[in-house]
Amino acid sequence: MNIDVHAHLIPEAFWSATEGGGEWYRASQREHEGKRYIVTRDRLAGPQEPLWRASLEERLAVMDRQEVGMQLLSSPPYFFNYHLPVSEAEAAARELNDEIGRAMREAPGRIGGLATVPLQEPARAVSELERAMGLGFAGAALGTHVDGRDFDDPALLPFFEAAERLGALLFFHPHAPATQASGRGRSYYLENFVGFPLDSTIAIASLIFGGVLDRLPALKLVFAHAGGYACFAIGRWDHGFGVRSEPRAHISRPPRDYLRLLYVDSITHDYAALRYVLETMGPDHVVLGSDFPFDMGDQSPVGWLRRAPGLSPADRERVLGGTLSALIGLS
């Protein structure tokens, strides 16, 4: 079965709360230059498109056209809510996860779930992850930092320990990239084009150099957008590990050894880039992603991979669903 690890759901709870100008946990809608946007943290996300509010039936119809057997649904990054008071973030996460859970029950075998968790307080994040796993979720979706904290922060380790214990798959999606804080990259949609892959790269580096993967090698970690620039930077990281003392503070092996413990999705929009990612990660560590329903996603993810030059039939089946099926316990 073809399984899409990277598919988003904007909760109906948000649309219902904000239609008349209201807010849903401080998120709202706004008209701008004749188009409709979602507003969180005073940032505009959009413009909105019809499939942003797709019904389950519409979603399944798109999946059928795309030849996607199952989507693992996750929140778009603007509802991770790490900037909110933890009580609000926790309540929003529960509403969002409950909505995904309903979709899972209504379309068993077609819809899976990746929970949102209030990671700004790891103990509460663990509780919500445990609740979601009890509902049949595959794991959780995380941002690429926790309101500015990187993943080598010791305070976050209990969450990763719980994820390993539970066998939860953790899907990392960039949000509020470093370029946003500086104000650089606001033109030309560079916050997305450049900032998102950069933030994923920083997250991967913090996990590797922070020793998290040394301590918890059984973690199942998947990164959006082919892991940003990590595959293209790994030679520099390995070189730095050999000539500098700082990278060896928490790890004893070259960074490449840890990178290959991770998984990345297939969204590169370029066959040459995909080929390099496959060579660097191994074809059993690349999985199907679409970024449904957003314009920066792949509108024909299965067809695009089937046309990928040089990908053997066996490796293609691994990428399309074989690897992910094993990771989430479907095979």
C-alpha atoms as a PDB file:
ATOM      1  CA  MET A   1       0.000   0.000   0.000  1.00  0.00           C
ATOM      2  CA  ASN A   2       1.211   3.503  -0.840  1.00  0.00           C
ATOM      3  CA  ILE A   3       1.412   5.515   2.414  1.00  0.00           C
ATOM      4  CA  ASP A   4       1.780   9.302   2.579  1.00  0.00           C
ATOM      5  CA  VAL A   5       3.606  10.421   5.741  1.00  0.00           C
ATOM      6  CA  HIS A   6       3.164  14.129   4.994  1.00  0.00           C
ATOM      7  CA  ALA A   7      -0.506  15.119   4.770  1.00  0.00           C
ATOM      8  CA  HIS A   8      -2.159  17.887   6.746  1.00  0.00           C
ATOM      9  CA  LEU A   9      -5.563  18.473   8.297  1.00  0.00           C
ATOM     10  CA  ILE A  10      -6.795  21.944   9.222  1.00  0.00           C
ATOM     11  CA  PRO A  11      -9.370  21.119  11.889  1.00  0.00           C
ATOM     12  CA  GLU A  12     -13.026  21.873  11.361  1.00  0.00           C
ATOM     13  CA  ALA A  13     -12.954  23.292  14.890  1.00  0.00           C
ATOM     14  CA  PHE A  14     -10.772  26.118  13.560  1.00  0.00           C
ATOM     15  CA  TRP A  15     -13.055  26.892  10.620  1.00  0.00           C
ATOM     16  CA  SER A  16     -16.197  26.857  12.767  1.00  0.00           C
ATOM     17  CA  ALA A  17     -14.698  29.123  15.435  1.00  0.00           C
ATOM     18  CA  THR A  18     -13.272  31.693  13.017  1.00  0.00           C
ATOM     19  CA  GLU A  19     -15.933  31.971  10.305  1.00  0.00           C
ATOM     20  CA  GLY A  20     -17.608  34.957  11.920  1.00  0.00           C
ATOM     21  CA  GLY A  21     -14.399  36.740  12.854  1.00  0.00           C
ATOM     22  CA  GLY A  22     -13.702  34.788  16.039  1.00  0.00           C
ATOM     23  CA  GLU A  23     -10.551  33.005  17.155  1.00  0.00           C
ATOM     24  CA  TRP A  24      -9.520  29.407  17.757  1.00  0.00           C
ATOM     25  CA  TYR A  25      -6.766  29.393  20.370  1.00  0.00           C
ATOM     26  CA  ARG A  26      -5.608  32.837  19.150  1.00  0.00           C
ATOM     27  CA  ALA A  27      -5.662  31.810  15.476  1.00  0.00           C
ATOM     28  CA  SER A  28      -8.027  33.589  13.102  1.00  0.00           C
ATOM     29  CA  GLN A  29      -8.813  34.346   9.475  1.00  0.00           C
ATOM     30  CA  ARG A  30      -8.129  37.596   7.641  1.00  0.00           C
ATOM     31  CA  GLU A  31      -8.795  39.115   4.250  1.00  0.00           C
ATOM     32  CA  HIS A  32      -5.671  40.466   2.553  1.00  0.00           C
ATOM     33  CA  GLU A  33      -5.511  41.888  -0.968  1.00  0.00           C
ATOM     34  CA  GLY A  34      -8.734  40.129  -1.892  1.00  0.00           C
ATOM     35  CA  LYS A  35      -7.678  36.712  -0.613  1.00  0.00           C
ATOM     36  CA  ARG A  36      -8.344  34.807   2.592  1.00  0.00           C
ATOM     37  CA  TYR A  37      -5.532  33.819   4.985  1.00  0.00           C
ATOM     38  CA  ILE A  38      -5.053  32.041   8.298  1.00  0.00           C
ATOM     39  CA  VAL A  39      -3.405  34.234  10.928  1.00  0.00           C
ATOM     40  CA  THR A  40      -1.265  32.873  13.765  1.00  0.00           C
ATOM     41  CA  ARG A  41       1.379  34.804  15.714  1.00  0.00           C
ATOM     42  CA  ASP A  42       0.520  37.803  13.480  1.00  0.00           C
ATOM     43  CA  ARG A  43       1.765  35.864  10.451  1.00  0.00           C
ATOM     44  CA  LEU A  44      -0.315  35.140   7.360  1.00  0.00           C
ATOM     45  CA  ALA A  45      -0.594  31.583   6.028  1.00  0.00           C
ATOM     46  CA  GLY A  46      -2.088  31.185   2.614  1.00  0.00           C
ATOM     47  CA  PRO A  47      -3.838  32.239   0.509  1.00  0.00           C
ATOM     48  CA  GLN A  48      -6.466  29.652   1.294  1.00  0.00           C
ATOM     49  CA  GLU A  49      -7.439  27.104  -1.342  1.00  0.00           C
ATOM     50  CA  PRO A  50     -10.617  24.964  -1.529  1.00  0.00           C
ATOM     51  CA  LEU A  51      -8.936  21.736  -0.399  1.00  0.00           C
ATOM     52  CA  TRP A  52      -7.783  23.393   2.828  1.00  0.00           C
ATOM     53  CA  ARG A  53     -11.273  22.580   4.125  1.00  0.00           C
ATOM     54  CA  ALA A  54     -11.703  19.288   2.315  1.00  0.00           C
ATOM     55  CA  SER A  55     -14.277  16.911   3.728  1.00  0.00           C
ATOM     56  CA  LEU A  56     -13.200  13.359   4.422  1.00  0.00           C
ATOM     57  CA  GLU A  57     -14.967  12.258   1.234  1.00  0.00           C
ATOM     58  CA  GLU A  58     -13.119  14.898  -0.812  1.00  0.00           C
ATOM     59  CA  ARG A  59      -9.825  13.891   0.785  1.00  0.00           C
ATOM     60  CA  LEU A  60     -10.372  10.224  -0.028  1.00  0.00           C
ATOM     61  CA  ALA A  61     -11.261  11.115  -3.622  1.00  0.00           C
ATOM     62  CA  VAL A  62      -7.979  13.033  -3.989  1.00  0.00           C
ATOM     63  CA  MET A  63      -6.102  10.114  -2.456  1.00  0.00           C
ATOM     64  CA  ASP A  64      -7.703   7.768  -4.978  1.00  0.00           C
ATOM     65  CA  ARG A  65      -6.649  10.023  -7.857  1.00  0.00           C
ATOM     66  CA  GLN A  66      -3.122  10.180  -6.428  1.00  0.00           C
ATOM     67  CA  GLU A  67      -3.031   6.390  -5.859  1.00  0.00           C
ATOM     68  CA  VAL A  68      -2.376   6.977  -2.158  1.00  0.00           C
ATOM     69  CA  GLY A  69      -3.715   4.159  -0.030  1.00  0.00           C
ATOM     70  CA  MET A  70      -3.271   5.853   3.350  1.00  0.00           C
ATOM     71  CA  GLN A  71      -2.499   9.329   4.628  1.00  0.00           C
ATOM     72  CA  LEU A  72      -0.994   9.907   8.059  1.00  0.00           C
ATOM     73  CA  LEU A  73      -2.741  13.129   9.043  1.00  0.00           C
ATOM     74  CA  SER A  74      -0.962  15.843  10.997  1.00  0.00           C
ATOM     75  CA  SER A  75      -1.557  19.464  11.860  1.00  0.00           C
ATOM     76  CA  PRO A  76      -0.040  22.132   9.653  1.00  0.00           C
ATOM     77  CA  PRO A  77       2.804  23.769  11.562  1.00  0.00           C
ATOM     78  CA  TYR A  78       0.933  26.923  12.517  1.00  0.00           C
ATOM     79  CA  PHE A  79      -1.169  24.905  14.980  1.00  0.00           C
ATOM     80  CA  PHE A  80       1.751  23.364  16.881  1.00  0.00           C
ATOM     81  CA  ASN A  81       1.176  26.245  19.338  1.00  0.00           C
ATOM     82  CA  TYR A  82       4.469  26.015  21.221  1.00  0.00           C
ATOM     83  CA  HIS A  83       4.257  29.781  21.788  1.00  0.00           C
ATOM     84  CA  LEU A  84       0.975  29.544  23.715  1.00  0.00           C
ATOM     85  CA  PRO A  85       0.474  28.954  27.441  1.00  0.00           C
ATOM     86  CA  VAL A  86       0.662  25.200  27.848  1.00  0.00           C
ATOM     87  CA  SER A  87      -2.958  24.876  28.998  1.00  0.00           C
ATOM     88  CA  GLU A  88      -4.167  26.426  25.732  1.00  0.00           C
ATOM     89  CA  ALA A  89      -1.744  24.407  23.605  1.00  0.00           C
ATOM     90  CA  GLU A  90      -2.835  21.202  25.316  1.00  0.00           C
ATOM     91  CA  ALA A  91      -6.533  21.934  24.808  1.00  0.00           C
ATOM     92  CA  ALA A  92      -5.992  22.785  21.133  1.00  0.00           C
ATOM     93  CA  ALA A  93      -3.952  19.617  20.633  1.00  0.00           C
ATOM     94  CA  ARG A  94      -6.690  17.467  22.144  1.00  0.00           C
ATOM     95  CA  GLU A  95      -9.333  19.007  19.870  1.00  0.00           C
ATOM     96  CA  LEU A  96      -7.146  18.538  16.830  1.00  0.00           C
ATOM     97  CA  ASN A  97      -6.199  14.979  17.722  1.00  0.00           C
ATOM     98  CA  ASP A  98      -9.800  14.062  18.465  1.00  0.00           C
ATOM     99  CA  GLU A  99     -10.778  15.267  14.988  1.00  0.00           C
ATOM    100  CA  ILE A 100      -8.050  13.170  13.376  1.00  0.00           C
ATOM    101  CA  GLY A 101      -9.180  10.241  15.515  1.00  0.00           C
ATOM    102  CA  ARG A 102     -12.729  10.583  14.146  1.00  0.00           C
ATOM    103  CA  ALA A 103     -11.392  10.503  10.590  1.00  0.00           C
ATOM    104  CA  MET A 104      -9.415   7.364  11.449  1.00  0.00           C
ATOM    105  CA  ARG A 105     -12.573   5.672  12.725  1.00  0.00           C
ATOM    106  CA  GLU A 106     -14.627   6.759   9.702  1.00  0.00           C
ATOM    107  CA  ALA A 107     -12.020   5.619   7.162  1.00  0.00           C
ATOM    108  CA  PRO A 108     -10.137   2.725   8.766  1.00  0.00           C
ATOM    109  CA  GLY A 109      -7.153   1.622   6.756  1.00  0.00           C
ATOM    110  CA  ARG A 110      -7.153   4.854   4.729  1.00  0.00           C
ATOM    111  CA  ILE A 111      -6.458   7.440   7.433  1.00  0.00           C
ATOM    112  CA  GLY A 112      -3.797   7.266  10.134  1.00  0.00           C
ATOM    113  CA  GLY A 113      -2.790   9.882  12.664  1.00  0.00           C
ATOM    114  CA  LEU A 114       0.216  11.838  13.885  1.00  0.00           C
ATOM    115  CA  ALA A 115      -0.730  13.721  17.026  1.00  0.00           C
ATOM    116  CA  THR A 116      -0.013  17.310  17.975  1.00  0.00           C
ATOM    117  CA  VAL A 117       1.502  17.584  21.468  1.00  0.00           C
ATOM    118  CA  PRO A 118       2.256  20.564  23.780  1.00  0.00           C
ATOM    119  CA  LEU A 119       6.006  20.061  23.647  1.00  0.00           C
ATOM    120  CA  GLN A 120       6.764  23.256  25.575  1.00  0.00           C
ATOM    121  CA  GLU A 121       5.997  21.124  28.651  1.00  0.00           C
ATOM    122  CA  PRO A 122       7.378  17.634  27.965  1.00  0.00           C
ATOM    123  CA  ALA A 123       5.404  15.867  30.704  1.00  0.00           C
ATOM    124  CA  ARG A 124       2.119  17.030  29.201  1.00  0.00           C
ATOM    125  CA  ALA A 125       3.388  16.180  25.733  1.00  0.00           C
ATOM    126  CA  VAL A 126       4.071  12.637  26.923  1.00  0.00           C
ATOM    127  CA  SER A 127       0.546  12.383  28.344  1.00  0.00           C
ATOM    128  CA  GLU A 128      -1.037  13.483  25.069  1.00  0.00           C
ATOM    129  CA  LEU A 129       1.218  11.182  23.059  1.00  0.00           C
ATOM    130  CA  GLU A 130       0.219   8.256  25.284  1.00  0.00           C
ATOM    131  CA  ARG A 131      -3.460   9.159  24.857  1.00  0.00           C
ATOM    132  CA  ALA A 132      -3.090   9.390  21.077  1.00  0.00           C
ATOM    133  CA  MET A 133      -1.211   6.103  20.826  1.00  0.00           C
ATOM    134  CA  GLY A 134      -4.038   4.528  22.799  1.00  0.00           C
ATOM    135  CA  LEU A 135      -6.434   5.795  20.122  1.00  0.00           C
ATOM    136  CA  GLY A 136      -4.420   4.075  17.412  1.00  0.00           C
ATOM    137  CA  PHE A 137      -2.241   6.957  16.233  1.00  0.00           C
ATOM    138  CA  ALA A 138       1.091   6.109  14.611  1.00  0.00           C
ATOM    139  CA  GLY A 139       2.946   8.776  16.570  1.00  0.00           C
ATOM    140  CA  ALA A 140       3.235  12.551  16.643  1.00  0.00           C
ATOM    141  CA  ALA A 141       4.097  15.503  14.429  1.00  0.00           C
ATOM    142  CA  LEU A 142       6.598  17.996  15.833  1.00  0.00           C
ATOM    143  CA  GLY A 143       8.015  21.322  14.762  1.00  0.00           C
ATOM    144  CA  THR A 144      11.721  21.788  14.120  1.00  0.00           C
ATOM    145  CA  HIS A 145      12.231  23.637  17.398  1.00  0.00           C
ATOM    146  CA  VAL A 146      10.162  24.329  20.501  1.00  0.00           C
ATOM    147  CA  ASP A 147       9.648  28.089  20.428  1.00  0.00           C
ATOM    148  CA  GLY A 148      13.378  28.575  19.904  1.00  0.00           C
ATOM    149  CA  ARG A 149      14.649  25.574  21.877  1.00  0.00           C
ATOM    150  CA  ASP A 150      16.565  22.964  19.904  1.00  0.00           C
ATOM    151  CA  PHE A 151      16.166  19.232  20.446  1.00  0.00           C
ATOM    152  CA  ASP A 152      19.450  18.787  22.293  1.00  0.00           C
ATOM    153  CA  ASP A 153      17.818  20.574  25.249  1.00  0.00           C
ATOM    154  CA  PRO A 154      17.998  18.045  28.136  1.00  0.00           C
ATOM    155  CA  ALA A 155      14.508  19.069  29.250  1.00  0.00           C
ATOM    156  CA  LEU A 156      13.090  17.476  26.087  1.00  0.00           C
ATOM    157  CA  LEU A 157      14.809  14.118  26.570  1.00  0.00           C
ATOM    158  CA  PRO A 158      11.945  12.560  28.603  1.00  0.00           C
ATOM    159  CA  PHE A 159       9.626  13.077  25.642  1.00  0.00           C
ATOM    160  CA  PHE A 160      12.009  11.296  23.284  1.00  0.00           C
ATOM    161  CA  GLU A 161      12.465   8.508  25.836  1.00  0.00           C
ATOM    162  CA  ALA A 162       8.686   8.067  25.954  1.00  0.00           C
ATOM    163  CA  ALA A 163       8.440   8.075  22.155  1.00  0.00           C
ATOM    164  CA  GLU A 164      11.045   5.320  21.923  1.00  0.00           C
ATOM    165  CA  ARG A 165       9.294   3.308  24.651  1.00  0.00           C
ATOM    166  CA  LEU A 166       5.921   3.644  22.901  1.00  0.00           C
ATOM    167  CA  GLY A 167       7.302   2.875  19.444  1.00  0.00           C
ATOM    168  CA  ALA A 168       5.918   6.191  18.220  1.00  0.00           C
ATOM    169  CA  LEU A 169       6.921   7.570  14.854  1.00  0.00           C
ATOM    170  CA  LEU A 170       7.886  11.255  15.130  1.00  0.00           C
ATOM    171  CA  PHE A 171       7.415  13.382  12.011  1.00  0.00           C
ATOM    172  CA  PHE A 172       9.260  16.715  12.033  1.00  0.00           C
ATOM    173  CA  HIS A 173       7.858  19.617  10.025  1.00  0.00           C
ATOM    174  CA  PRO A 174       9.539  23.048   9.897  1.00  0.00           C
ATOM    175  CA  HIS A 175       7.763  26.045  11.380  1.00  0.00           C
ATOM    176  CA  ALA A 176       8.633  29.608  12.401  1.00  0.00           C
ATOM    177  CA  PRO A 177      12.075  29.277  10.775  1.00  0.00           C
ATOM    178  CA  ALA A 178      15.164  31.081  12.028  1.00  0.00           C
ATOM    179  CA  THR A 179      14.961  33.418   9.044  1.00  0.00           C
ATOM    180  CA  GLN A 180      11.611  34.657  10.378  1.00  0.00           C
ATOM    181  CA  ALA A 181      13.067  35.901  13.659  1.00  0.00           C
ATOM    182  CA  SER A 182      15.765  37.906  11.883  1.00  0.00           C
ATOM    183  CA  GLY A 183      13.425  39.368   9.306  1.00  0.00           C
ATOM    184  CA  ARG A 184      15.602  38.063   6.500  1.00  0.00           C
ATOM    185  CA  GLY A 185      13.942  36.140   3.717  1.00  0.00           C
ATOM    186  CA  ARG A 186      10.517  37.756   3.995  1.00  0.00           C
ATOM    187  CA  SER A 187      10.504  38.600   0.296  1.00  0.00           C
ATOM    188  CA  TYR A 188       9.738  36.133  -2.487  1.00  0.00           C
ATOM    189  CA  TYR A 189       8.395  33.484  -0.081  1.00  0.00           C
ATOM    190  CA  LEU A 190      11.986  32.704   0.934  1.00  0.00           C
ATOM    191  CA  GLU A 191      10.860  31.897   4.484  1.00  0.00           C
ATOM    192  CA  ASN A 192       9.399  28.760   2.947  1.00  0.00           C
ATOM    193  CA  PHE A 193      11.794  28.112   0.043  1.00  0.00           C
ATOM    194  CA  VAL A 194      14.968  28.630   2.099  1.00  0.00           C
ATOM    195  CA  GLY A 195      13.893  28.939   5.735  1.00  0.00           C
ATOM    196  CA  PHE A 196      11.943  25.686   6.016  1.00  0.00           C
ATOM    197  CA  PRO A 197      14.736  23.402   4.716  1.00  0.00           C
ATOM    198  CA  LEU A 198      17.253  25.331   6.821  1.00  0.00           C
ATOM    199  CA  ASP A 199      15.222  24.806   9.989  1.00  0.00           C
ATOM    200  CA  SER A 200      14.912  21.074   9.327  1.00  0.00           C
ATOM    201  CA  THR A 201      18.682  20.935   8.880  1.00  0.00           C
ATOM    202  CA  ILE A 202      19.271  22.666  12.223  1.00  0.00           C
ATOM    203  CA  ALA A 203      16.861  20.259  13.934  1.00  0.00           C
ATOM    204  CA  ILE A 204      18.662  17.233  12.498  1.00  0.00           C
ATOM    205  CA  ALA A 205      22.044  18.661  13.497  1.00  0.00           C
ATOM    206  CA  SER A 206      20.874  19.312  17.066  1.00  0.00           C
ATOM    207  CA  LEU A 207      19.656  15.724  17.421  1.00  0.00           C
ATOM    208  CA  ILE A 208      22.872  14.295  15.991  1.00  0.00           C
ATOM    209  CA  PHE A 209      25.462  16.509  17.684  1.00  0.00           C
ATOM    210  CA  GLY A 210      23.453  16.656  20.911  1.00  0.00           C
ATOM    211  CA  GLY A 211      23.820  12.899  21.331  1.00  0.00           C
ATOM    212  CA  VAL A 212      20.082  12.169  21.351  1.00  0.00           C
ATOM    213  CA  LEU A 213      20.493   9.396  18.773  1.00  0.00           C
ATOM    214  CA  ASP A 214      23.397   7.904  20.722  1.00  0.00           C
ATOM    215  CA  ARG A 215      21.172   7.616  23.773  1.00  0.00           C
ATOM    216  CA  LEU A 216      18.016   6.538  21.929  1.00  0.00           C
ATOM    217  CA  PRO A 217      19.027   4.740  18.724  1.00  0.00           C
ATOM    218  CA  ALA A 218      15.628   3.049  18.316  1.00  0.00           C
ATOM    219  CA  LEU A 219      13.773   6.342  17.814  1.00  0.00           C
ATOM    220  CA  LYS A 220      11.722   6.449  14.600  1.00  0.00           C
ATOM    221  CA  LEU A 221      12.270   9.975  13.264  1.00  0.00           C
ATOM    222  CA  VAL A 222      11.035  11.205   9.864  1.00  0.00           C
ATOM    223  CA  PHE A 223      11.809  14.660   8.462  1.00  0.00           C
ATOM    224  CA  ALA A 224       9.763  16.603   5.928  1.00  0.00           C
ATOM    225  CA  HIS A 225      11.075  17.958   2.631  1.00  0.00           C
ATOM    226  CA  ALA A 226      13.813  15.315   2.350  1.00  0.00           C
ATOM    227  CA  GLY A 227      15.402  16.527   5.582  1.00  0.00           C
ATOM    228  CA  GLY A 228      16.200  20.000   4.309  1.00  0.00           C
ATOM    229  CA  TYR A 229      19.873  20.426   3.474  1.00  0.00           C
ATOM    230  CA  ALA A 230      21.209  17.719   5.797  1.00  0.00           C
ATOM    231  CA  CYS A 231      22.123  15.241   3.051  1.00  0.00           C
ATOM    232  CA  PHE A 232      23.950  17.987   1.164  1.00  0.00           C
ATOM    233  CA  ALA A 233      25.809  19.165   4.299  1.00  0.00           C
ATOM    234  CA  ILE A 234      26.837  15.791   5.689  1.00  0.00           C
ATOM    235  CA  GLY A 235      30.297  15.879   4.105  1.00  0.00           C
ATOM    236  CA  ARG A 236      30.982  19.192   5.830  1.00  0.00           C
ATOM    237  CA  TRP A 237      29.703  17.821   9.138  1.00  0.00           C
ATOM    238  CA  ASP A 238      31.907  14.736   8.852  1.00  0.00           C
ATOM    239  CA  HIS A 239      34.925  16.879   7.984  1.00  0.00           C
ATOM    240  CA  GLY A 240      34.233  19.173  10.949  1.00  0.00           C
ATOM    241  CA  PHE A 241      33.904  16.173  13.243  1.00  0.00           C
ATOM    242  CA  GLY A 242      37.393  15.139  12.197  1.00  0.00           C
ATOM    243  CA  VAL A 243      39.138  18.493  12.661  1.00  0.00           C
ATOM    244  CA  ARG A 244      37.209  20.277  15.443  1.00  0.00           C
ATOM    245  CA  SER A 245      36.620  19.384  19.090  1.00  0.00           C
ATOM    246  CA  GLU A 246      33.162  20.986  19.462  1.00  0.00           C
ATOM    247  CA  PRO A 247      31.249  18.407  17.384  1.00  0.00           C
ATOM    248  CA  ARG A 248      32.672  15.581  19.512  1.00  0.00           C
ATOM    249  CA  ALA A 249      31.250  16.880  22.804  1.00  0.00           C
ATOM    250  CA  HIS A 250      28.391  14.346  22.837  1.00  0.00           C
ATOM    251  CA  ILE A 251      29.065  11.855  20.031  1.00  0.00           C
ATOM    252  CA  SER A 252      31.813   9.384  19.276  1.00  0.00           C
ATOM    253  CA  ARG A 253      31.049   8.476  15.664  1.00  0.00           C
ATOM    254  CA  PRO A 254      30.919  10.538  12.453  1.00  0.00           C
ATOM    255  CA  PRO A 255      27.634  12.418  11.907  1.00  0.00           C
ATOM    256  CA  ARG A 256      26.898  10.354   8.792  1.00  0.00           C
ATOM    257  CA  ASP A 257      26.421   7.272  10.978  1.00  0.00           C
ATOM    258  CA  TYR A 258      23.605   9.024  12.854  1.00  0.00           C
ATOM    259  CA  LEU A 259      22.037  10.617   9.780  1.00  0.00           C
ATOM    260  CA  ARG A 260      21.418   7.146   8.413  1.00  0.00           C
ATOM    261  CA  LEU A 261      19.341   6.314  11.488  1.00  0.00           C
ATOM    262  CA  LEU A 262      16.788   8.911  10.357  1.00  0.00           C
ATOM    263  CA  TYR A 263      14.123   8.854   7.647  1.00  0.00           C
ATOM    264  CA  VAL A 264      13.114  11.621   5.255  1.00  0.00           C
ATOM    265  CA  ASP A 265      10.174  12.132   2.939  1.00  0.00           C
ATOM    266  CA  SER A 266      10.443  12.254  -0.837  1.00  0.00           C
ATOM    267  CA  ILE A 267       9.526  15.914  -1.432  1.00  0.00           C
ATOM    268  CA  THR A 268      12.396  17.408  -3.432  1.00  0.00           C
ATOM    269  CA  HIS A 269      10.644  18.442  -6.692  1.00  0.00           C
ATOM    270  CA  ASP A 270      13.859  17.449  -8.481  1.00  0.00           C
ATOM    271  CA  TYR A 271      15.017  14.017  -9.593  1.00  0.00           C
ATOM    272  CA  ALA A 272      18.728  14.809  -9.251  1.00  0.00           C
ATOM    273  CA  ALA A 273      18.168  15.902  -5.642  1.00  0.00           C
ATOM    274  CA  LEU A 274      16.039  12.823  -4.970  1.00  0.00           C
ATOM    275  CA  ARG A 275      18.768  10.579  -6.376  1.00  0.00           C
ATOM    276  CA  TYR A 276      21.369  12.126  -4.061  1.00  0.00           C
ATOM    277  CA  VAL A 277      19.063  11.826  -1.045  1.00  0.00           C
ATOM    278  CA  LEU A 278      18.430   8.165  -1.888  1.00  0.00           C
ATOM    279  CA  GLU A 279      22.173   7.533  -2.219  1.00  0.00           C
ATOM    280  CA  THR A 280      22.953   9.309   1.060  1.00  0.00           C
ATOM    281  CA  MET A 281      20.126   7.954   3.219  1.00  0.00           C
ATOM    282  CA  GLY A 282      19.603   4.621   1.483  1.00  0.00           C
ATOM    283  CA  PRO A 283      16.332   3.805  -0.328  1.00  0.00           C
ATOM    284  CA  ASP A 284      14.968   2.136   2.808  1.00  0.00           C
ATOM    285  CA  HIS A 285      15.144   5.477   4.667  1.00  0.00           C
ATOM    286  CA  VAL A 286      13.146   7.607   2.208  1.00  0.00           C
ATOM    287  CA  VAL A 287       9.327   7.546   2.395  1.00  0.00           C
ATOM    288  CA  LEU A 288       6.450   8.972   0.384  1.00  0.00           C
ATOM    289  CA  GLY A 289       5.287  12.509   1.170  1.00  0.00           C
ATOM    290  CA  SER A 290       2.874  14.872  -0.602  1.00  0.00           C
ATOM    291  CA  ASP A 291       2.330  17.914   1.693  1.00  0.00           C
ATOM    292  CA  PHE A 292      -1.413  17.735   0.954  1.00  0.00           C
ATOM    293  CA  PRO A 293      -3.272  20.131   0.554  1.00  0.00           C
ATOM    294  CA  PHE A 294      -0.702  22.905   0.068  1.00  0.00           C
ATOM    295  CA  ASP A 295       0.656  24.434  -3.122  1.00  0.00           C
ATOM    296  CA  MET A 296       4.274  23.646  -2.188  1.00  0.00           C
ATOM    297  CA  GLY A 297       3.444  19.951  -2.131  1.00  0.00           C
ATOM    298  CA  ASP A 298       3.510  17.277  -4.799  1.00  0.00           C
ATOM    299  CA  GLN A 299       0.128  16.970  -6.506  1.00  0.00           C
ATOM    300  CA  SER A 300       1.009  13.561  -7.982  1.00  0.00           C
ATOM    301  CA  PRO A 301       3.426  12.037  -5.465  1.00  0.00           C
ATOM    302  CA  VAL A 302       3.051   8.397  -6.487  1.00  0.00           C
ATOM    303  CA  GLY A 303       3.231   9.113 -10.204  1.00  0.00           C
ATOM    304  CA  TRP A 304       6.282  11.324  -9.692  1.00  0.00           C
ATOM    305  CA  LEU A 305       8.119   8.546  -7.863  1.00  0.00           C
ATOM    306  CA  ARG A 306       7.104   5.967 -10.448  1.00  0.00           C
ATOM    307  CA  ARG A 307       8.736   8.135 -13.109  1.00  0.00           C
ATOM    308  CA  ALA A 308      11.939   8.623 -11.085  1.00  0.00           C
ATOM    309  CA  PRO A 309      14.877   7.491 -13.232  1.00  0.00           C
ATOM    310  CA  GLY A 310      17.198   4.815 -11.899  1.00  0.00           C
ATOM    311  CA  LEU A 311      14.939   3.713  -9.039  1.00  0.00           C
ATOM    312  CA  SER A 312      14.600  -0.071  -9.045  1.00  0.00           C
ATOM    313  CA  PRO A 313      11.116  -1.592  -8.666  1.00  0.00           C
ATOM    314  CA  ALA A 314      12.044  -2.992  -5.242  1.00  0.00           C
ATOM    315  CA  ASP A 315      13.379   0.347  -3.985  1.00  0.00           C
ATOM    316  CA  ARG A 316      10.377   2.178  -5.422  1.00  0.00           C
ATOM    317  CA  GLU A 317       8.029  -0.045  -3.446  1.00  0.00           C
ATOM    318  CA  ARG A 318      10.058   0.612  -0.290  1.00  0.00           C
ATOM    319  CA  VAL A 319       9.703   4.366  -0.764  1.00  0.00           C
ATOM    320  CA  LEU A 320       6.027   4.221  -1.717  1.00  0.00           C
ATOM    321  CA  GLY A 321       4.968   2.306   1.354  1.00  0.00           C
ATOM    322  CA  GLY A 322       7.039  -0.708   2.317  1.00  0.00           C
ATOM    323  CA  THR A 323       9.337   1.078   4.750  1.00  0.00           C
ATOM    324  CA  LEU A 324       6.606   3.178   6.341  1.00  0.00           C
ATOM    325  CA  SER A 325       4.307   0.178   6.642  1.00  0.00           C
ATOM    326  CA  ALA A 326       6.967  -1.577   8.712  1.00  0.00           C
ATOM    327  CA  LEU A 327       7.659   1.536  10.803  1.00  0.00           C
ATOM    328  CA  ILE A 328       4.028   1.926  11.862  1.00  0.00           C
ATOM    329  CA  GLY A 329       3.375  -1.779  12.295  1.00  0.00           C
ATOM    330  CA  LEU A 330       1.175  -2.515   9.281  1.00  0.00           C
ATOM    331  CA  SER A 331       3.345  -5.407   8.143  1.00  0.00           C
END
